[in-house]
Amino acid sequence: MAGTSEQKIVIVGAGGRLGAALAREWREEFGVTGFTRAQLDLAEPNELRATLGKLDFDVLINAAALTNVDYCEEHRAEAMRINAEAPHALAEICREKDARFLHVSTDYVFDGEKREPYREEDTAEPISVYGESKREGERLVLDANERALVLRVSWVFGPDRPSFVDAILQKARAEEEVSAVADKFSTPTYTKDIAELLPPLLKDSSVSGLLHMAGRGACSWQQYAQWALDCCHRLNIPMRATKVGASSLGEMKSFVARRPIYTVLATEKYEQLTGAAPRDWHDAVADYVRDYFPRA
């Protein structure tokens, strides 16, 4: 992995799925300081300034967010405070310290009406409060700090915090019949892959603005779940279910917020900048199941 031990990196959201993975994967390559939600309250801009202002760092990565889509729908002010106002404050802190700022955003900034991968220049038109708050965060960050890099990711999974793939496999272990939504599409993205793909961008301050980073390919939640289940069977991990049934987004009556149907992210810009490419999502999921899903 690229990088030098001299580079000091602060990770906000180090207790989350992505932040924890970055802190773990980079600890031998960089000087990493991580802040969990309990250690740093994003809802308090004065606390952000008091805590971070006295630190010496080269890069600050904001991997923290209010990500519960339905909760955000019913708590708009809180979503805006955490997902928009806090990143804005972090961007200003980094500008004042002449440090690089990398803010993690989401595929949910798009309305899902396209049927081909979204590029960075495509118009972001979110259809939920969560998406609105993340889009506003992007706008405020880039307005406050022209050197900032906003990284959009999709369907992030990894060992540090359970996600969709963990939930569906646990259910398939206990029940013979499981199902997942078959008419919503994006790309699973492994936190370990993000940790490997990011370092070339950390020192290069010429890379700014919006950038998409996701696994290669596309799938529905059902296809994602079926592949993960197939990987378990190939590894002889005991599972009661063999097939993942198909349900529709419209059947998900428990959902409060609207979800975009198609949010596959194009990664050509990253590939042109670095000469590297994300790997296919099938390979990433297979590695995750092999390395981290419990055998019993």
C-alpha atoms as a PDB file:
ATOM      1  CA  MET A   1       0.000   0.000   0.000  1.00  0.00           C
ATOM      2  CA  ALA A   2       1.242   3.445  -0.899  1.00  0.00           C
ATOM      3  CA  GLY A   3       2.021   5.923   1.804  1.00  0.00           C
ATOM      4  CA  THR A   4       4.644   6.861   4.331  1.00  0.00           C
ATOM      5  CA  SER A   5       4.694   6.793   8.083  1.00  0.00           C
ATOM      6  CA  GLU A   6       5.284  10.570   8.139  1.00  0.00           C
ATOM      7  CA  GLN A   7       1.773  11.275   6.929  1.00  0.00           C
ATOM      8  CA  LYS A   8      -0.551  11.992   9.866  1.00  0.00           C
ATOM      9  CA  ILE A   9      -4.178  11.040   9.273  1.00  0.00           C
ATOM     10  CA  VAL A  10      -7.205  11.787  11.430  1.00  0.00           C
ATOM     11  CA  ILE A  11     -10.294   9.627  10.903  1.00  0.00           C
ATOM     12  CA  VAL A  12     -13.628  10.937  12.146  1.00  0.00           C
ATOM     13  CA  GLY A  13     -16.074   8.054  12.452  1.00  0.00           C
ATOM     14  CA  ALA A  14     -13.441   5.488  13.430  1.00  0.00           C
ATOM     15  CA  GLY A  15     -16.083   3.336  15.106  1.00  0.00           C
ATOM     16  CA  GLY A  16     -18.081   2.866  11.926  1.00  0.00           C
ATOM     17  CA  ARG A  17     -17.836   0.253   9.207  1.00  0.00           C
ATOM     18  CA  LEU A  18     -15.520   2.208   6.913  1.00  0.00           C
ATOM     19  CA  GLY A  19     -13.675   4.334   9.462  1.00  0.00           C
ATOM     20  CA  ALA A  20     -12.697   1.337  11.560  1.00  0.00           C
ATOM     21  CA  ALA A  21     -11.430  -0.496   8.484  1.00  0.00           C
ATOM     22  CA  LEU A  22      -9.300   2.453   7.392  1.00  0.00           C
ATOM     23  CA  ALA A  23      -7.819   2.815  10.879  1.00  0.00           C
ATOM     24  CA  ARG A  24      -6.980  -0.882  11.043  1.00  0.00           C
ATOM     25  CA  GLU A  25      -5.623  -1.295   7.509  1.00  0.00           C
ATOM     26  CA  TRP A  26      -3.491   1.863   7.644  1.00  0.00           C
ATOM     27  CA  ARG A  27      -2.065   1.697  11.146  1.00  0.00           C
ATOM     28  CA  GLU A  28       1.307   0.346   9.975  1.00  0.00           C
ATOM     29  CA  GLU A  29       1.631   2.717   7.024  1.00  0.00           C
ATOM     30  CA  PHE A  30       0.459   6.019   8.476  1.00  0.00           C
ATOM     31  CA  GLY A  31       0.197   7.835  11.758  1.00  0.00           C
ATOM     32  CA  VAL A  32      -3.518   7.346  12.375  1.00  0.00           C
ATOM     33  CA  THR A  33      -5.645   9.061  15.027  1.00  0.00           C
ATOM     34  CA  GLY A  34      -9.260   7.935  15.154  1.00  0.00           C
ATOM     35  CA  PHE A  35     -12.324   9.475  16.779  1.00  0.00           C
ATOM     36  CA  THR A  36     -15.499   7.504  17.443  1.00  0.00           C
ATOM     37  CA  ARG A  37     -18.928   9.059  17.893  1.00  0.00           C
ATOM     38  CA  ALA A  38     -18.504   8.848  21.653  1.00  0.00           C
ATOM     39  CA  GLN A  39     -15.208  10.741  21.445  1.00  0.00           C
ATOM     40  CA  LEU A  40     -16.290  13.497  19.054  1.00  0.00           C
ATOM     41  CA  ASP A  41     -19.828  14.858  18.771  1.00  0.00           C
ATOM     42  CA  LEU A  42     -20.505  15.943  15.205  1.00  0.00           C
ATOM     43  CA  ALA A  43     -23.554  17.863  16.361  1.00  0.00           C
ATOM     44  CA  GLU A  44     -21.307  20.299  18.236  1.00  0.00           C
ATOM     45  CA  PRO A  45     -19.221  22.468  15.856  1.00  0.00           C
ATOM     46  CA  ASN A  46     -17.424  24.144  18.758  1.00  0.00           C
ATOM     47  CA  GLU A  47     -16.310  20.744  20.034  1.00  0.00           C
ATOM     48  CA  LEU A  48     -15.032  19.840  16.562  1.00  0.00           C
ATOM     49  CA  ARG A  49     -12.953  22.990  16.442  1.00  0.00           C
ATOM     50  CA  ALA A  50     -11.667  22.666  20.005  1.00  0.00           C
ATOM     51  CA  THR A  51     -10.629  19.033  19.558  1.00  0.00           C
ATOM     52  CA  LEU A  52      -9.318  19.033  16.005  1.00  0.00           C
ATOM     53  CA  GLY A  53      -7.920  22.545  15.947  1.00  0.00           C
ATOM     54  CA  LYS A  54      -5.120  21.645  18.345  1.00  0.00           C
ATOM     55  CA  LEU A  55      -4.050  18.528  16.422  1.00  0.00           C
ATOM     56  CA  ASP A  56      -1.294  18.349  13.847  1.00  0.00           C
ATOM     57  CA  PHE A  57      -2.366  16.311  10.807  1.00  0.00           C
ATOM     58  CA  ASP A  58      -1.918  16.149   7.043  1.00  0.00           C
ATOM     59  CA  VAL A  59      -5.233  14.523   6.116  1.00  0.00           C
ATOM     60  CA  LEU A  60      -8.634  14.411   7.781  1.00  0.00           C
ATOM     61  CA  ILE A  61     -11.127  11.791   6.602  1.00  0.00           C
ATOM     62  CA  ASN A  62     -14.767  12.148   7.561  1.00  0.00           C
ATOM     63  CA  ALA A  63     -16.279   8.661   7.496  1.00  0.00           C
ATOM     64  CA  ALA A  64     -18.984   9.578  10.005  1.00  0.00           C
ATOM     65  CA  ALA A  65     -22.627  10.128   9.083  1.00  0.00           C
ATOM     66  CA  LEU A  66     -26.196   9.561  10.148  1.00  0.00           C
ATOM     67  CA  THR A  67     -26.918   6.695   7.747  1.00  0.00           C
ATOM     68  CA  ASN A  68     -30.246   5.224   8.883  1.00  0.00           C
ATOM     69  CA  VAL A  69     -32.335   6.260   5.893  1.00  0.00           C
ATOM     70  CA  ASP A  70     -35.708   5.924   7.608  1.00  0.00           C
ATOM     71  CA  TYR A  71     -34.538   7.641  10.807  1.00  0.00           C
ATOM     72  CA  CYS A  72     -33.284  10.579   8.750  1.00  0.00           C
ATOM     73  CA  GLU A  73     -36.660  10.864   7.043  1.00  0.00           C
ATOM     74  CA  GLU A  74     -38.301  11.577  10.393  1.00  0.00           C
ATOM     75  CA  HIS A  75     -35.424  13.590  11.910  1.00  0.00           C
ATOM     76  CA  ARG A  76     -34.551  16.080   9.196  1.00  0.00           C
ATOM     77  CA  ALA A  77     -32.876  18.679  11.419  1.00  0.00           C
ATOM     78  CA  GLU A  78     -30.581  16.090  12.998  1.00  0.00           C
ATOM     79  CA  ALA A  79     -29.725  14.624   9.586  1.00  0.00           C
ATOM     80  CA  MET A  80     -28.786  18.040   8.263  1.00  0.00           C
ATOM     81  CA  ARG A  81     -26.732  18.831  11.349  1.00  0.00           C
ATOM     82  CA  ILE A  82     -24.694  15.612  11.170  1.00  0.00           C
ATOM     83  CA  ASN A  83     -24.530  15.046   7.402  1.00  0.00           C
ATOM     84  CA  ALA A  84     -24.218  18.624   6.159  1.00  0.00           C
ATOM     85  CA  GLU A  85     -23.299  21.169   8.839  1.00  0.00           C
ATOM     86  CA  ALA A  86     -20.633  19.009  10.525  1.00  0.00           C
ATOM     87  CA  PRO A  87     -18.782  18.193   7.278  1.00  0.00           C
ATOM     88  CA  HIS A  88     -18.883  21.900   6.455  1.00  0.00           C
ATOM     89  CA  ALA A  89     -17.156  22.685   9.756  1.00  0.00           C
ATOM     90  CA  LEU A  90     -14.571  19.956   9.143  1.00  0.00           C
ATOM     91  CA  ALA A  91     -13.861  21.338   5.676  1.00  0.00           C
ATOM     92  CA  GLU A  92     -13.263  24.780   7.166  1.00  0.00           C
ATOM     93  CA  ILE A  93     -10.948  23.393   9.848  1.00  0.00           C
ATOM     94  CA  CYS A  94      -8.860  21.648   7.196  1.00  0.00           C
ATOM     95  CA  ARG A  95      -8.737  24.761   5.028  1.00  0.00           C
ATOM     96  CA  GLU A  96      -7.485  26.801   7.959  1.00  0.00           C
ATOM     97  CA  LYS A  97      -4.841  24.164   8.795  1.00  0.00           C
ATOM     98  CA  ASP A  98      -3.876  23.672   5.127  1.00  0.00           C
ATOM     99  CA  ALA A  99      -4.645  19.974   5.526  1.00  0.00           C
ATOM    100  CA  ARG A 100      -6.247  17.671   3.005  1.00  0.00           C
ATOM    101  CA  PHE A 101      -9.945  16.889   3.615  1.00  0.00           C
ATOM    102  CA  LEU A 102     -11.674  13.773   2.336  1.00  0.00           C
ATOM    103  CA  HIS A 103     -15.413  13.482   2.938  1.00  0.00           C
ATOM    104  CA  VAL A 104     -17.299  10.230   2.372  1.00  0.00           C
ATOM    105  CA  SER A 105     -20.670  10.537   0.649  1.00  0.00           C
ATOM    106  CA  THR A 106     -23.170   8.130  -0.879  1.00  0.00           C
ATOM    107  CA  ASP A 107     -24.904   6.845  -4.001  1.00  0.00           C
ATOM    108  CA  TYR A 108     -28.205   7.972  -2.431  1.00  0.00           C
ATOM    109  CA  VAL A 109     -27.585  11.524  -3.696  1.00  0.00           C
ATOM    110  CA  PHE A 110     -29.021  10.282  -7.018  1.00  0.00           C
ATOM    111  CA  ASP A 111     -32.690   9.764  -7.836  1.00  0.00           C
ATOM    112  CA  GLY A 112     -32.110   6.340  -9.402  1.00  0.00           C
ATOM    113  CA  GLU A 113     -33.813   7.162 -12.711  1.00  0.00           C
ATOM    114  CA  LYS A 114     -30.766   6.334 -14.866  1.00  0.00           C
ATOM    115  CA  ARG A 115     -30.148   2.825 -16.134  1.00  0.00           C
ATOM    116  CA  GLU A 116     -26.427   3.181 -16.700  1.00  0.00           C
ATOM    117  CA  PRO A 117     -23.714   3.984 -14.147  1.00  0.00           C
ATOM    118  CA  TYR A 118     -23.791   7.461 -12.627  1.00  0.00           C
ATOM    119  CA  ARG A 119     -20.785   9.617 -13.365  1.00  0.00           C
ATOM    120  CA  GLU A 120     -19.446  12.426 -11.200  1.00  0.00           C
ATOM    121  CA  GLU A 121     -20.861  15.089 -13.535  1.00  0.00           C
ATOM    122  CA  ASP A 122     -24.406  13.697 -13.429  1.00  0.00           C
ATOM    123  CA  THR A 123     -26.914  15.869 -11.580  1.00  0.00           C
ATOM    124  CA  ALA A 124     -27.557  14.747  -8.018  1.00  0.00           C
ATOM    125  CA  GLU A 125     -31.292  14.809  -7.262  1.00  0.00           C
ATOM    126  CA  PRO A 126     -31.904  12.899  -4.010  1.00  0.00           C
ATOM    127  CA  ILE A 127     -35.364  11.531  -3.183  1.00  0.00           C
ATOM    128  CA  SER A 128     -34.989  11.132   0.601  1.00  0.00           C
ATOM    129  CA  VAL A 129     -33.996  13.326   3.519  1.00  0.00           C
ATOM    130  CA  TYR A 130     -30.889  11.181   3.953  1.00  0.00           C
ATOM    131  CA  GLY A 131     -29.907  11.777   0.325  1.00  0.00           C
ATOM    132  CA  GLU A 132     -30.714  15.491   0.633  1.00  0.00           C
ATOM    133  CA  SER A 133     -28.578  15.834   3.752  1.00  0.00           C
ATOM    134  CA  LYS A 134     -25.635  14.057   2.129  1.00  0.00           C
ATOM    135  CA  ARG A 135     -25.945  16.127  -1.047  1.00  0.00           C
ATOM    136  CA  GLU A 136     -26.044  19.324   0.998  1.00  0.00           C
ATOM    137  CA  GLY A 137     -22.949  18.092   2.836  1.00  0.00           C
ATOM    138  CA  GLU A 138     -21.162  17.639  -0.485  1.00  0.00           C
ATOM    139  CA  ARG A 139     -22.116  21.158  -1.572  1.00  0.00           C
ATOM    140  CA  LEU A 140     -21.075  22.810   1.687  1.00  0.00           C
ATOM    141  CA  VAL A 141     -17.767  20.923   1.801  1.00  0.00           C
ATOM    142  CA  LEU A 142     -16.772  21.892  -1.735  1.00  0.00           C
ATOM    143  CA  ASP A 143     -17.895  25.494  -1.230  1.00  0.00           C
ATOM    144  CA  ALA A 144     -15.817  25.784   1.950  1.00  0.00           C
ATOM    145  CA  ASN A 145     -12.697  24.012   0.737  1.00  0.00           C
ATOM    146  CA  GLU A 146     -11.745  23.914  -2.935  1.00  0.00           C
ATOM    147  CA  ARG A 147      -9.061  21.292  -2.233  1.00  0.00           C
ATOM    148  CA  ALA A 148     -11.541  18.901  -0.609  1.00  0.00           C
ATOM    149  CA  LEU A 149     -12.278  15.501  -2.105  1.00  0.00           C
ATOM    150  CA  VAL A 150     -15.801  14.087  -1.808  1.00  0.00           C
ATOM    151  CA  LEU A 151     -15.809  10.322  -2.187  1.00  0.00           C
ATOM    152  CA  ARG A 152     -19.105   8.662  -3.089  1.00  0.00           C
ATOM    153  CA  VAL A 153     -19.381   4.989  -2.187  1.00  0.00           C
ATOM    154  CA  SER A 154     -22.172   2.400  -2.433  1.00  0.00           C
ATOM    155  CA  TRP A 155     -23.414  -0.609  -0.445  1.00  0.00           C
ATOM    156  CA  VAL A 156     -20.393  -0.662   1.831  1.00  0.00           C
ATOM    157  CA  PHE A 157     -19.728  -3.912   3.707  1.00  0.00           C
ATOM    158  CA  GLY A 158     -16.902  -5.107   5.950  1.00  0.00           C
ATOM    159  CA  PRO A 159     -16.004  -6.897   9.165  1.00  0.00           C
ATOM    160  CA  ASP A 160     -16.199  -3.986  11.586  1.00  0.00           C
ATOM    161  CA  ARG A 161     -19.954  -3.490  11.601  1.00  0.00           C
ATOM    162  CA  PRO A 162     -22.757  -5.718  10.269  1.00  0.00           C
ATOM    163  CA  SER A 163     -24.406  -4.785   6.978  1.00  0.00           C
ATOM    164  CA  PHE A 164     -26.964  -6.267   4.597  1.00  0.00           C
ATOM    165  CA  VAL A 165     -24.818  -9.257   3.662  1.00  0.00           C
ATOM    166  CA  ASP A 166     -24.320 -10.261   7.301  1.00  0.00           C
ATOM    167  CA  ALA A 167     -28.030  -9.971   8.064  1.00  0.00           C
ATOM    168  CA  ILE A 168     -29.140 -12.029   5.074  1.00  0.00           C
ATOM    169  CA  LEU A 169     -26.597 -14.784   5.726  1.00  0.00           C
ATOM    170  CA  GLN A 170     -27.518 -15.018   9.390  1.00  0.00           C
ATOM    171  CA  LYS A 171     -31.142 -15.398   8.333  1.00  0.00           C
ATOM    172  CA  ALA A 172     -30.211 -18.023   5.720  1.00  0.00           C
ATOM    173  CA  ARG A 173     -28.358 -19.950   8.399  1.00  0.00           C
ATOM    174  CA  ALA A 174     -31.463 -20.091  10.591  1.00  0.00           C
ATOM    175  CA  GLU A 175     -34.280 -20.330   8.020  1.00  0.00           C
ATOM    176  CA  GLU A 176     -34.934 -22.323   4.851  1.00  0.00           C
ATOM    177  CA  GLU A 177     -36.706 -19.470   3.091  1.00  0.00           C
ATOM    178  CA  VAL A 178     -35.177 -16.022   2.692  1.00  0.00           C
ATOM    179  CA  SER A 179     -35.827 -13.262   0.203  1.00  0.00           C
ATOM    180  CA  ALA A 180     -34.357  -9.946  -0.887  1.00  0.00           C
ATOM    181  CA  VAL A 181     -35.356  -7.047  -3.114  1.00  0.00           C
ATOM    182  CA  ALA A 182     -34.788  -7.886  -6.775  1.00  0.00           C
ATOM    183  CA  ASP A 183     -35.595  -4.521  -8.395  1.00  0.00           C
ATOM    184  CA  LYS A 184     -33.035  -2.233  -6.725  1.00  0.00           C
ATOM    185  CA  PHE A 185     -29.506  -2.083  -8.135  1.00  0.00           C
ATOM    186  CA  SER A 186     -26.081  -0.794  -7.132  1.00  0.00           C
ATOM    187  CA  THR A 187     -22.663  -2.284  -6.333  1.00  0.00           C
ATOM    188  CA  PRO A 188     -21.352  -3.842  -3.093  1.00  0.00           C
ATOM    189  CA  THR A 189     -18.077  -2.204  -2.029  1.00  0.00           C
ATOM    190  CA  TYR A 190     -15.680  -3.828   0.452  1.00  0.00           C
ATOM    191  CA  THR A 191     -14.123  -1.588   3.103  1.00  0.00           C
ATOM    192  CA  LYS A 192     -10.758  -3.343   2.706  1.00  0.00           C
ATOM    193  CA  ASP A 193     -10.810  -2.487  -0.999  1.00  0.00           C
ATOM    194  CA  ILE A 194     -11.491   1.180  -0.244  1.00  0.00           C
ATOM    195  CA  ALA A 195      -8.552   1.126   2.174  1.00  0.00           C
ATOM    196  CA  GLU A 196      -6.315  -0.129  -0.634  1.00  0.00           C
ATOM    197  CA  LEU A 197      -7.656   2.223  -3.309  1.00  0.00           C
ATOM    198  CA  LEU A 198      -7.504   5.471  -1.330  1.00  0.00           C
ATOM    199  CA  PRO A 199      -3.804   6.026  -0.444  1.00  0.00           C
ATOM    200  CA  PRO A 200      -2.714   7.268  -3.906  1.00  0.00           C
ATOM    201  CA  LEU A 201      -5.182  10.134  -3.473  1.00  0.00           C
ATOM    202  CA  LEU A 202      -4.189  11.197   0.035  1.00  0.00           C
ATOM    203  CA  LYS A 203      -1.111  13.227  -0.855  1.00  0.00           C
ATOM    204  CA  ASP A 204      -2.160  14.398  -4.296  1.00  0.00           C
ATOM    205  CA  SER A 205      -3.930  17.662  -3.528  1.00  0.00           C
ATOM    206  CA  SER A 206      -4.567  18.212  -7.231  1.00  0.00           C
ATOM    207  CA  VAL A 207      -7.326  15.597  -6.966  1.00  0.00           C
ATOM    208  CA  SER A 208     -10.373  17.389  -5.615  1.00  0.00           C
ATOM    209  CA  GLY A 209     -14.097  17.633  -6.158  1.00  0.00           C
ATOM    210  CA  LEU A 210     -16.312  14.584  -6.606  1.00  0.00           C
ATOM    211  CA  LEU A 211     -15.017  11.044  -7.069  1.00  0.00           C
ATOM    212  CA  HIS A 212     -16.842   7.724  -7.228  1.00  0.00           C
ATOM    213  CA  MET A 213     -15.344   4.621  -5.626  1.00  0.00           C
ATOM    214  CA  ALA A 214     -17.231   1.330  -5.751  1.00  0.00           C
ATOM    215  CA  GLY A 215     -16.788  -2.265  -6.770  1.00  0.00           C
ATOM    216  CA  ARG A 216     -16.988  -3.188 -10.440  1.00  0.00           C
ATOM    217  CA  GLY A 217     -20.243  -4.482 -11.850  1.00  0.00           C
ATOM    218  CA  ALA A 218     -23.825  -4.190 -10.642  1.00  0.00           C
ATOM    219  CA  CYS A 219     -26.407  -6.333  -8.909  1.00  0.00           C
ATOM    220  CA  SER A 220     -29.711  -6.311  -7.090  1.00  0.00           C
ATOM    221  CA  TRP A 221     -29.994  -6.997  -3.383  1.00  0.00           C
ATOM    222  CA  GLN A 222     -31.288 -10.455  -4.334  1.00  0.00           C
ATOM    223  CA  GLN A 223     -28.313 -11.196  -6.605  1.00  0.00           C
ATOM    224  CA  TYR A 224     -25.932  -9.909  -3.915  1.00  0.00           C
ATOM    225  CA  ALA A 225     -27.543 -12.157  -1.316  1.00  0.00           C
ATOM    226  CA  GLN A 226     -27.621 -15.201  -3.602  1.00  0.00           C
ATOM    227  CA  TRP A 227     -23.939 -14.851  -4.454  1.00  0.00           C
ATOM    228  CA  ALA A 228     -22.980 -14.553  -0.791  1.00  0.00           C
ATOM    229  CA  LEU A 229     -25.087 -17.616   0.006  1.00  0.00           C
ATOM    230  CA  ASP A 230     -23.493 -19.553  -2.866  1.00  0.00           C
ATOM    231  CA  CYS A 231     -20.064 -18.660  -1.463  1.00  0.00           C
ATOM    232  CA  CYS A 232     -21.094 -20.115   1.912  1.00  0.00           C
ATOM    233  CA  HIS A 233     -22.186 -23.381   0.325  1.00  0.00           C
ATOM    234  CA  ARG A 234     -18.939 -23.665  -1.644  1.00  0.00           C
ATOM    235  CA  LEU A 235     -17.031 -23.205   1.608  1.00  0.00           C
ATOM    236  CA  ASN A 236     -19.216 -25.807   3.359  1.00  0.00           C
ATOM    237  CA  ILE A 237     -20.504 -23.237   5.830  1.00  0.00           C
ATOM    238  CA  PRO A 238     -23.743 -24.723   7.224  1.00  0.00           C
ATOM    239  CA  MET A 239     -26.766 -22.872   5.823  1.00  0.00           C
ATOM    240  CA  ARG A 240     -30.399 -23.940   5.837  1.00  0.00           C
ATOM    241  CA  ALA A 241     -31.383 -21.871   2.787  1.00  0.00           C
ATOM    242  CA  THR A 242     -30.083 -22.567  -0.709  1.00  0.00           C
ATOM    243  CA  LYS A 243     -32.015 -19.949  -2.694  1.00  0.00           C
ATOM    244  CA  VAL A 244     -32.820 -16.308  -2.098  1.00  0.00           C
ATOM    245  CA  GLY A 245     -36.334 -15.493  -3.189  1.00  0.00           C
ATOM    246  CA  ALA A 246     -37.288 -12.278  -4.984  1.00  0.00           C
ATOM    247  CA  SER A 247     -39.284  -9.464  -3.428  1.00  0.00           C
ATOM    248  CA  SER A 248     -39.942  -5.973  -4.784  1.00  0.00           C
ATOM    249  CA  LEU A 249     -39.110  -2.569  -3.398  1.00  0.00           C
ATOM    250  CA  GLY A 250     -42.818  -1.767  -3.396  1.00  0.00           C
ATOM    251  CA  GLU A 251     -43.450  -4.651  -1.003  1.00  0.00           C
ATOM    252  CA  MET A 252     -41.169  -3.185   1.654  1.00  0.00           C
ATOM    253  CA  LYS A 253     -43.955  -1.594   3.693  1.00  0.00           C
ATOM    254  CA  SER A 254     -41.641  -1.026   6.655  1.00  0.00           C
ATOM    255  CA  PHE A 255     -39.600   1.511   4.660  1.00  0.00           C
ATOM    256  CA  VAL A 256     -40.413   5.097   5.592  1.00  0.00           C
ATOM    257  CA  ALA A 257     -38.163   6.840   3.062  1.00  0.00           C
ATOM    258  CA  ARG A 258     -38.079   6.307  -0.683  1.00  0.00           C
ATOM    259  CA  ARG A 259     -35.065   4.416  -2.021  1.00  0.00           C
ATOM    260  CA  PRO A 260     -33.537   5.072  -5.450  1.00  0.00           C
ATOM    261  CA  ILE A 261     -33.897   2.066  -7.751  1.00  0.00           C
ATOM    262  CA  TYR A 262     -30.574   2.294  -9.599  1.00  0.00           C
ATOM    263  CA  THR A 263     -27.426   3.896  -8.155  1.00  0.00           C
ATOM    264  CA  VAL A 264     -24.510   2.082  -9.779  1.00  0.00           C
ATOM    265  CA  LEU A 265     -21.449   4.362  -9.668  1.00  0.00           C
ATOM    266  CA  ALA A 266     -19.052   4.715 -12.604  1.00  0.00           C
ATOM    267  CA  THR A 267     -15.408   4.553 -11.521  1.00  0.00           C
ATOM    268  CA  GLU A 268     -13.614   5.566 -14.731  1.00  0.00           C
ATOM    269  CA  LYS A 269     -12.456   8.858 -13.210  1.00  0.00           C
ATOM    270  CA  TYR A 270     -10.665   7.054 -10.378  1.00  0.00           C
ATOM    271  CA  GLU A 271      -9.109   4.619 -12.863  1.00  0.00           C
ATOM    272  CA  GLN A 272      -7.840   7.462 -15.052  1.00  0.00           C
ATOM    273  CA  LEU A 273      -6.368   9.287 -12.053  1.00  0.00           C
ATOM    274  CA  THR A 274      -4.550   6.308 -10.550  1.00  0.00           C
ATOM    275  CA  GLY A 275      -4.121   3.679 -13.236  1.00  0.00           C
ATOM    276  CA  ALA A 276      -5.744   1.204 -10.849  1.00  0.00           C
ATOM    277  CA  ALA A 277      -9.245  -0.244 -10.932  1.00  0.00           C
ATOM    278  CA  PRO A 278     -11.640  -1.554  -8.288  1.00  0.00           C
ATOM    279  CA  ARG A 279     -12.151  -5.301  -8.447  1.00  0.00           C
ATOM    280  CA  ASP A 280     -15.388  -7.064  -9.331  1.00  0.00           C
ATOM    281  CA  TRP A 281     -17.880  -7.147  -6.474  1.00  0.00           C
ATOM    282  CA  HIS A 282     -18.187 -10.962  -6.745  1.00  0.00           C
ATOM    283  CA  ASP A 283     -14.515 -11.388  -5.798  1.00  0.00           C
ATOM    284  CA  ALA A 284     -14.767  -8.940  -2.907  1.00  0.00           C
ATOM    285  CA  VAL A 285     -17.853 -10.619  -1.428  1.00  0.00           C
ATOM    286  CA  ALA A 286     -16.276 -14.066  -1.832  1.00  0.00           C
ATOM    287  CA  ASP A 287     -13.186 -12.918   0.075  1.00  0.00           C
ATOM    288  CA  TYR A 288     -15.285 -11.400   2.823  1.00  0.00           C
ATOM    289  CA  VAL A 289     -17.356 -14.549   3.301  1.00  0.00           C
ATOM    290  CA  ARG A 290     -14.209 -16.697   3.327  1.00  0.00           C
ATOM    291  CA  ASP A 291     -12.305 -14.520   5.780  1.00  0.00           C
ATOM    292  CA  TYR A 292     -14.929 -13.177   8.127  1.00  0.00           C
ATOM    293  CA  PHE A 293     -18.274 -14.965   8.087  1.00  0.00           C
ATOM    294  CA  PRO A 294     -18.399 -17.287  11.116  1.00  0.00           C
ATOM    295  CA  ARG A 295     -18.424 -21.011  10.355  1.00  0.00           C
ATOM    296  CA  ALA A 296     -20.887 -21.775  13.145  1.00  0.00           C
END
